[in-house]
Amino acid sequence: MKIILFLVLYTMNLFALVILGTKMGLIIGVIVTLFYLCQFFLKNKYEIPVVVKVLSGLWGAFFLFIFADKIKSIVLESLSGLFIRLSYFYQFYGGQIIQLITSSRLTFLDEGWKYFISSDHLGQFLIGYGFSYRLANWGSGDYIEMDFFDSLFSLGLIGWLLLTAFICYFAVIAWKQKSIYSGIFYLLLIYSFFAGHVAFSALSATLIGLTCAGMNLLKKVDNHE
């Protein structure tokens, strides 16, 4: 039953990613799916009972029979919308794949970097310009949507080093534990670097905080044992 619930939840998550159509979300979805498939076929240590296989097959067949037309309509509509959206941006960026994947973030980064190094005051380099000042004065470089660079420009070298030290600390813990929290943590780091909205978004920052708390709890349990 747990396997069935997992497959249903995972399928719904992938479907949600297709509906949203964000490029980074789709890339991560493909990577995670390939990881699970490789793990299942190459490292499957659990023998699934025949009863579970039969019930899963019957449930899947019944579900498809009842909702086949509706599912087909929704999937085709979602994929069509995704294709139109990606085609539009591909033409918009002149066929440049890097620009398509990063959604012009490299252009914003180049503009922001020019503003960051233009000041003659050492204090602004060390403590940053602040988010509000950047939004009001930096034009297209106001928000890069790449958390590591936004932290450098807004919080300065000192703030960036503190944030990096925090990330490195938990990255080491995640590497040693190799738990579900570790996988979530590394995925959030990838999102944070390429797509942003993790470290400085209330919802996403709460998620990464809970992930770090989970790794911390596992570390304390391991130490007690």
C-alpha atoms as a PDB file:
ATOM      1  CA  MET A   1       0.000   0.000   0.000  1.00  0.00           C
ATOM      2  CA  LYS A   2       2.877   2.379   0.767  1.00  0.00           C
ATOM      3  CA  ILE A   3       4.279   1.756  -2.697  1.00  0.00           C
ATOM      4  CA  ILE A   4       0.936   2.557  -4.319  1.00  0.00           C
ATOM      5  CA  LEU A   5       0.539   5.756  -2.314  1.00  0.00           C
ATOM      6  CA  PHE A   6       4.100   6.781  -3.176  1.00  0.00           C
ATOM      7  CA  LEU A   7       3.512   6.213  -6.900  1.00  0.00           C
ATOM      8  CA  VAL A   8       0.262   8.195  -6.820  1.00  0.00           C
ATOM      9  CA  LEU A   9       1.898  11.086  -4.939  1.00  0.00           C
ATOM     10  CA  TYR A  10       4.973  11.032  -7.164  1.00  0.00           C
ATOM     11  CA  THR A  11       2.852  11.008 -10.330  1.00  0.00           C
ATOM     12  CA  MET A  12       0.818  13.963  -9.075  1.00  0.00           C
ATOM     13  CA  ASN A  13       4.024  15.868  -8.279  1.00  0.00           C
ATOM     14  CA  LEU A  14       5.380  15.267 -11.783  1.00  0.00           C
ATOM     15  CA  PHE A  15       2.048  16.310 -13.254  1.00  0.00           C
ATOM     16  CA  ALA A  16       2.170  19.529 -11.187  1.00  0.00           C
ATOM     17  CA  LEU A  17       5.665  20.239 -12.541  1.00  0.00           C
ATOM     18  CA  VAL A  18       4.385  19.849 -16.110  1.00  0.00           C
ATOM     19  CA  ILE A  19       1.471  22.201 -15.409  1.00  0.00           C
ATOM     20  CA  LEU A  20       3.766  24.828 -13.876  1.00  0.00           C
ATOM     21  CA  GLY A  21       6.192  24.449 -16.785  1.00  0.00           C
ATOM     22  CA  THR A  22       9.237  25.882 -14.983  1.00  0.00           C
ATOM     23  CA  LYS A  23      12.421  24.781 -16.705  1.00  0.00           C
ATOM     24  CA  MET A  24      14.391  24.068 -13.528  1.00  0.00           C
ATOM     25  CA  GLY A  25      11.485  22.126 -12.064  1.00  0.00           C
ATOM     26  CA  LEU A  26      11.259  19.933 -15.168  1.00  0.00           C
ATOM     27  CA  ILE A  27      15.011  19.294 -15.180  1.00  0.00           C
ATOM     28  CA  ILE A  28      14.980  18.287 -11.508  1.00  0.00           C
ATOM     29  CA  GLY A  29      11.914  16.119 -12.116  1.00  0.00           C
ATOM     30  CA  VAL A  30      13.700  14.233 -14.892  1.00  0.00           C
ATOM     31  CA  ILE A  31      16.865  13.804 -12.781  1.00  0.00           C
ATOM     32  CA  VAL A  32      14.940  12.496  -9.762  1.00  0.00           C
ATOM     33  CA  THR A  33      12.870  10.143 -11.937  1.00  0.00           C
ATOM     34  CA  LEU A  34      16.005   8.699 -13.567  1.00  0.00           C
ATOM     35  CA  PHE A  35      17.562   8.294 -10.118  1.00  0.00           C
ATOM     36  CA  TYR A  36      14.560   6.335  -8.815  1.00  0.00           C
ATOM     37  CA  LEU A  37      14.449   4.168 -11.939  1.00  0.00           C
ATOM     38  CA  CYS A  38      18.160   3.319 -11.674  1.00  0.00           C
ATOM     39  CA  GLN A  39      17.781   2.614  -7.976  1.00  0.00           C
ATOM     40  CA  PHE A  40      14.790   0.354  -8.607  1.00  0.00           C
ATOM     41  CA  PHE A  41      16.352  -1.690 -11.419  1.00  0.00           C
ATOM     42  CA  LEU A  42      19.941  -1.794 -10.178  1.00  0.00           C
ATOM     43  CA  LYS A  43      19.657  -1.706  -6.376  1.00  0.00           C
ATOM     44  CA  ASN A  44      16.250  -3.159  -5.668  1.00  0.00           C
ATOM     45  CA  LYS A  45      16.768  -5.263  -2.521  1.00  0.00           C
ATOM     46  CA  TYR A  46      13.126  -5.776  -1.694  1.00  0.00           C
ATOM     47  CA  GLU A  47      10.960  -8.466  -3.227  1.00  0.00           C
ATOM     48  CA  ILE A  48       7.485  -7.093  -3.868  1.00  0.00           C
ATOM     49  CA  PRO A  49       4.797  -9.630  -2.916  1.00  0.00           C
ATOM     50  CA  VAL A  50       2.709 -11.058  -5.792  1.00  0.00           C
ATOM     51  CA  VAL A  51      -0.496  -9.877  -4.104  1.00  0.00           C
ATOM     52  CA  VAL A  52       0.791  -6.281  -4.126  1.00  0.00           C
ATOM     53  CA  LYS A  53       1.721  -6.551  -7.809  1.00  0.00           C
ATOM     54  CA  VAL A  54      -1.698  -7.952  -8.755  1.00  0.00           C
ATOM     55  CA  LEU A  55      -3.624  -5.392  -6.702  1.00  0.00           C
ATOM     56  CA  SER A  56      -1.474  -2.577  -8.078  1.00  0.00           C
ATOM     57  CA  GLY A  57      -2.098  -3.732 -11.625  1.00  0.00           C
ATOM     58  CA  LEU A  58      -5.852  -4.084 -11.120  1.00  0.00           C
ATOM     59  CA  TRP A  59      -6.081  -0.699  -9.410  1.00  0.00           C
ATOM     60  CA  GLY A  60      -4.056   0.945 -12.174  1.00  0.00           C
ATOM     61  CA  ALA A  61      -6.143  -0.666 -14.924  1.00  0.00           C
ATOM     62  CA  PHE A  62      -9.399   0.348 -13.230  1.00  0.00           C
ATOM     63  CA  PHE A  63      -8.165   3.898 -12.725  1.00  0.00           C
ATOM     64  CA  LEU A  64      -7.085   4.220 -16.361  1.00  0.00           C
ATOM     65  CA  PHE A  65     -10.335   2.685 -17.637  1.00  0.00           C
ATOM     66  CA  ILE A  66     -12.501   5.111 -15.651  1.00  0.00           C
ATOM     67  CA  PHE A  67     -10.487   8.273 -16.218  1.00  0.00           C
ATOM     68  CA  ALA A  68      -8.683   7.481 -19.492  1.00  0.00           C
ATOM     69  CA  ASP A  69     -10.316  10.213 -21.595  1.00  0.00           C
ATOM     70  CA  LYS A  70     -10.021  12.840 -18.883  1.00  0.00           C
ATOM     71  CA  ILE A  71      -6.377  12.000 -18.176  1.00  0.00           C
ATOM     72  CA  LYS A  72      -5.544  12.057 -21.887  1.00  0.00           C
ATOM     73  CA  SER A  73      -7.196  15.439 -22.317  1.00  0.00           C
ATOM     74  CA  ILE A  74      -5.427  16.975 -19.302  1.00  0.00           C
ATOM     75  CA  VAL A  75      -2.010  15.542 -20.189  1.00  0.00           C
ATOM     76  CA  LEU A  76      -2.197  16.608 -23.845  1.00  0.00           C
ATOM     77  CA  GLU A  77      -3.395  20.080 -22.890  1.00  0.00           C
ATOM     78  CA  SER A  78      -0.599  20.478 -20.325  1.00  0.00           C
ATOM     79  CA  LEU A  79       2.098  19.207 -22.683  1.00  0.00           C
ATOM     80  CA  SER A  80       0.777  21.428 -25.468  1.00  0.00           C
ATOM     81  CA  GLY A  81       0.912  24.481 -23.217  1.00  0.00           C
ATOM     82  CA  LEU A  82       4.410  23.548 -22.081  1.00  0.00           C
ATOM     83  CA  PHE A  83       5.607  23.121 -25.666  1.00  0.00           C
ATOM     84  CA  ILE A  84       4.127  26.478 -26.726  1.00  0.00           C
ATOM     85  CA  ARG A  85       5.722  28.210 -23.728  1.00  0.00           C
ATOM     86  CA  LEU A  86       9.182  26.722 -24.323  1.00  0.00           C
ATOM     87  CA  SER A  87       8.960  27.397 -28.078  1.00  0.00           C
ATOM     88  CA  TYR A  88       8.084  31.026 -27.416  1.00  0.00           C
ATOM     89  CA  PHE A  89      11.039  31.561 -25.095  1.00  0.00           C
ATOM     90  CA  TYR A  90      13.361  29.658 -27.440  1.00  0.00           C
ATOM     91  CA  GLN A  91      12.504  32.101 -30.222  1.00  0.00           C
ATOM     92  CA  PHE A  92      12.536  35.040 -27.794  1.00  0.00           C
ATOM     93  CA  TYR A  93      16.148  34.278 -26.786  1.00  0.00           C
ATOM     94  CA  GLY A  94      17.213  33.766 -30.396  1.00  0.00           C
ATOM     95  CA  GLY A  95      17.827  30.031 -30.042  1.00  0.00           C
ATOM     96  CA  GLN A  96      20.416  30.466 -27.290  1.00  0.00           C
ATOM     97  CA  ILE A  97      20.009  27.407 -25.051  1.00  0.00           C
ATOM     98  CA  ILE A  98      21.923  28.868 -22.092  1.00  0.00           C
ATOM     99  CA  GLN A  99      19.754  31.976 -22.078  1.00  0.00           C
ATOM    100  CA  LEU A 100      16.659  29.790 -22.389  1.00  0.00           C
ATOM    101  CA  ILE A 101      17.603  27.639 -19.393  1.00  0.00           C
ATOM    102  CA  THR A 102      18.656  30.559 -17.205  1.00  0.00           C
ATOM    103  CA  SER A 103      15.810  32.885 -18.329  1.00  0.00           C
ATOM    104  CA  SER A 104      18.239  35.815 -18.906  1.00  0.00           C
ATOM    105  CA  ARG A 105      19.688  35.457 -15.413  1.00  0.00           C
ATOM    106  CA  LEU A 106      23.192  35.686 -16.880  1.00  0.00           C
ATOM    107  CA  THR A 107      22.285  39.083 -18.342  1.00  0.00           C
ATOM    108  CA  PHE A 108      20.977  40.247 -14.957  1.00  0.00           C
ATOM    109  CA  LEU A 109      24.090  38.830 -13.281  1.00  0.00           C
ATOM    110  CA  ASP A 110      26.395  40.755 -15.607  1.00  0.00           C
ATOM    111  CA  GLU A 111      24.482  43.985 -14.903  1.00  0.00           C
ATOM    112  CA  GLY A 112      24.473  43.378 -11.152  1.00  0.00           C
ATOM    113  CA  TRP A 113      28.175  42.582 -11.088  1.00  0.00           C
ATOM    114  CA  LYS A 114      28.979  45.890 -12.798  1.00  0.00           C
ATOM    115  CA  TYR A 115      27.064  47.776 -10.093  1.00  0.00           C
ATOM    116  CA  PHE A 116      28.681  45.728  -7.316  1.00  0.00           C
ATOM    117  CA  ILE A 117      32.274  46.446  -8.343  1.00  0.00           C
ATOM    118  CA  SER A 118      31.631  50.060  -9.371  1.00  0.00           C
ATOM    119  CA  SER A 119      31.694  51.453  -5.825  1.00  0.00           C
ATOM    120  CA  ASP A 120      34.912  52.866  -4.341  1.00  0.00           C
ATOM    121  CA  HIS A 121      33.721  52.241  -0.764  1.00  0.00           C
ATOM    122  CA  LEU A 122      35.156  49.125   0.866  1.00  0.00           C
ATOM    123  CA  GLY A 123      32.212  49.021   3.288  1.00  0.00           C
ATOM    124  CA  GLN A 124      29.703  48.355   0.493  1.00  0.00           C
ATOM    125  CA  PHE A 125      31.869  45.520  -0.782  1.00  0.00           C
ATOM    126  CA  LEU A 126      32.023  43.979   2.703  1.00  0.00           C
ATOM    127  CA  ILE A 127      28.434  44.452   3.924  1.00  0.00           C
ATOM    128  CA  GLY A 128      26.602  44.782   0.590  1.00  0.00           C
ATOM    129  CA  TYR A 129      24.068  47.201  -0.806  1.00  0.00           C
ATOM    130  CA  GLY A 130      20.896  45.743   0.691  1.00  0.00           C
ATOM    131  CA  PHE A 131      17.884  44.417  -1.200  1.00  0.00           C
ATOM    132  CA  SER A 132      15.852  47.640  -1.076  1.00  0.00           C
ATOM    133  CA  TYR A 133      18.682  49.771  -2.463  1.00  0.00           C
ATOM    134  CA  ARG A 134      19.260  47.335  -5.303  1.00  0.00           C
ATOM    135  CA  LEU A 135      15.567  47.253  -6.214  1.00  0.00           C
ATOM    136  CA  ALA A 136      15.470  51.055  -6.317  1.00  0.00           C
ATOM    137  CA  ASN A 137      18.743  51.765  -8.123  1.00  0.00           C
ATOM    138  CA  TRP A 138      20.201  48.774  -9.962  1.00  0.00           C
ATOM    139  CA  GLY A 139      17.810  48.547 -12.906  1.00  0.00           C
ATOM    140  CA  SER A 140      17.827  45.084 -14.497  1.00  0.00           C
ATOM    141  CA  GLY A 141      20.462  43.963 -11.975  1.00  0.00           C
ATOM    142  CA  ASP A 142      18.124  44.501  -9.036  1.00  0.00           C
ATOM    143  CA  TYR A 143      17.248  40.831  -8.502  1.00  0.00           C
ATOM    144  CA  ILE A 144      19.310  38.099 -10.171  1.00  0.00           C
ATOM    145  CA  GLU A 145      17.153  35.182  -8.979  1.00  0.00           C
ATOM    146  CA  MET A 146      20.308  33.224  -8.168  1.00  0.00           C
ATOM    147  CA  ASP A 147      20.580  33.128  -4.393  1.00  0.00           C
ATOM    148  CA  PHE A 148      24.369  32.903  -4.119  1.00  0.00           C
ATOM    149  CA  PHE A 149      24.863  36.062  -6.166  1.00  0.00           C
ATOM    150  CA  ASP A 150      21.907  37.899  -4.610  1.00  0.00           C
ATOM    151  CA  SER A 151      23.397  37.212  -1.181  1.00  0.00           C
ATOM    152  CA  LEU A 152      26.784  38.565  -2.302  1.00  0.00           C
ATOM    153  CA  PHE A 153      25.349  41.764  -3.783  1.00  0.00           C
ATOM    154  CA  SER A 154      22.876  42.455  -0.970  1.00  0.00           C
ATOM    155  CA  LEU A 155      24.745  41.148   2.097  1.00  0.00           C
ATOM    156  CA  GLY A 156      28.301  41.743   0.936  1.00  0.00           C
ATOM    157  CA  LEU A 157      31.325  39.498   1.227  1.00  0.00           C
ATOM    158  CA  ILE A 158      30.840  39.030   4.985  1.00  0.00           C
ATOM    159  CA  GLY A 159      27.207  37.962   4.639  1.00  0.00           C
ATOM    160  CA  TRP A 160      28.053  35.730   1.684  1.00  0.00           C
ATOM    161  CA  LEU A 161      30.833  33.997   3.641  1.00  0.00           C
ATOM    162  CA  LEU A 162      28.512  33.412   6.617  1.00  0.00           C
ATOM    163  CA  LEU A 163      25.811  31.962   4.346  1.00  0.00           C
ATOM    164  CA  THR A 164      28.373  29.804   2.529  1.00  0.00           C
ATOM    165  CA  ALA A 165      29.785  28.537   5.834  1.00  0.00           C
ATOM    166  CA  PHE A 166      26.258  27.575   6.945  1.00  0.00           C
ATOM    167  CA  ILE A 167      25.633  25.737   3.672  1.00  0.00           C
ATOM    168  CA  CYS A 168      29.009  23.952   3.752  1.00  0.00           C
ATOM    169  CA  TYR A 169      28.390  22.818   7.342  1.00  0.00           C
ATOM    170  CA  PHE A 170      25.104  21.138   6.465  1.00  0.00           C
ATOM    171  CA  ALA A 171      26.465  19.905   3.111  1.00  0.00           C
ATOM    172  CA  VAL A 172      29.099  17.907   5.025  1.00  0.00           C
ATOM    173  CA  ILE A 173      26.416  16.515   7.370  1.00  0.00           C
ATOM    174  CA  ALA A 174      24.215  15.615   4.392  1.00  0.00           C
ATOM    175  CA  TRP A 175      27.104  13.832   2.672  1.00  0.00           C
ATOM    176  CA  LYS A 176      27.848  11.758   5.791  1.00  0.00           C
ATOM    177  CA  GLN A 177      24.219  10.878   6.561  1.00  0.00           C
ATOM    178  CA  LYS A 178      22.966  10.088   3.038  1.00  0.00           C
ATOM    179  CA  SER A 179      19.369  10.282   4.278  1.00  0.00           C
ATOM    180  CA  ILE A 180      16.191  11.563   2.638  1.00  0.00           C
ATOM    181  CA  TYR A 181      17.030  14.952   4.130  1.00  0.00           C
ATOM    182  CA  SER A 182      20.371  14.863   2.320  1.00  0.00           C
ATOM    183  CA  GLY A 183      18.703  14.432  -1.058  1.00  0.00           C
ATOM    184  CA  ILE A 184      16.226  17.229  -0.369  1.00  0.00           C
ATOM    185  CA  PHE A 185      19.040  19.499   0.825  1.00  0.00           C
ATOM    186  CA  TYR A 186      21.133  19.025  -2.315  1.00  0.00           C
ATOM    187  CA  LEU A 187      18.110  19.512  -4.584  1.00  0.00           C
ATOM    188  CA  LEU A 188      17.313  22.761  -2.781  1.00  0.00           C
ATOM    189  CA  LEU A 189      20.919  23.878  -3.269  1.00  0.00           C
ATOM    190  CA  ILE A 190      20.663  23.243  -7.015  1.00  0.00           C
ATOM    191  CA  TYR A 191      17.403  25.193  -7.151  1.00  0.00           C
ATOM    192  CA  SER A 192      18.944  27.960  -5.067  1.00  0.00           C
ATOM    193  CA  PHE A 193      21.964  28.388  -7.317  1.00  0.00           C
ATOM    194  CA  PHE A 194      20.276  28.184 -10.717  1.00  0.00           C
ATOM    195  CA  ALA A 195      16.706  29.408 -10.079  1.00  0.00           C
ATOM    196  CA  GLY A 196      16.800  31.289  -6.764  1.00  0.00           C
ATOM    197  CA  HIS A 197      13.775  31.871  -4.532  1.00  0.00           C
ATOM    198  CA  VAL A 198      15.064  29.449  -1.874  1.00  0.00           C
ATOM    199  CA  ALA A 199      17.188  31.354   0.636  1.00  0.00           C
ATOM    200  CA  PHE A 200      15.187  34.585   0.422  1.00  0.00           C
ATOM    201  CA  SER A 201      11.648  33.249   0.011  1.00  0.00           C
ATOM    202  CA  ALA A 202       9.645  32.702   3.192  1.00  0.00           C
ATOM    203  CA  LEU A 203       8.063  29.432   2.028  1.00  0.00           C
ATOM    204  CA  SER A 204      11.225  27.890   0.553  1.00  0.00           C
ATOM    205  CA  ALA A 205      13.435  29.119   3.403  1.00  0.00           C
ATOM    206  CA  THR A 206      11.068  27.380   5.839  1.00  0.00           C
ATOM    207  CA  LEU A 207      11.472  24.157   3.850  1.00  0.00           C
ATOM    208  CA  ILE A 208      15.268  24.314   3.853  1.00  0.00           C
ATOM    209  CA  GLY A 209      15.157  25.165   7.577  1.00  0.00           C
ATOM    210  CA  LEU A 210      13.060  22.070   8.294  1.00  0.00           C
ATOM    211  CA  THR A 211      15.448  19.992   6.170  1.00  0.00           C
ATOM    212  CA  CYS A 212      18.465  21.224   8.132  1.00  0.00           C
ATOM    213  CA  ALA A 213      16.600  20.611  11.389  1.00  0.00           C
ATOM    214  CA  GLY A 214      15.879  17.036  10.273  1.00  0.00           C
ATOM    215  CA  MET A 215      19.565  16.428   9.545  1.00  0.00           C
ATOM    216  CA  ASN A 216      20.464  17.938  12.911  1.00  0.00           C
ATOM    217  CA  LEU A 217      18.058  15.609  14.718  1.00  0.00           C
ATOM    218  CA  LEU A 218      19.477  12.577  12.903  1.00  0.00           C
ATOM    219  CA  LYS A 219      22.970  13.704  13.875  1.00  0.00           C
ATOM    220  CA  LYS A 220      21.996  13.911  17.553  1.00  0.00           C
ATOM    221  CA  VAL A 221      20.378  10.458  17.401  1.00  0.00           C
ATOM    222  CA  ASP A 222      23.539   9.003  15.813  1.00  0.00           C
ATOM    223  CA  ASN A 223      25.699  10.646  18.471  1.00  0.00           C
ATOM    224  CA  HIS A 224      23.582   9.183  21.290  1.00  0.00           C
ATOM    225  CA  GLU A 225      23.784   5.742  19.751  1.00  0.00           C
END
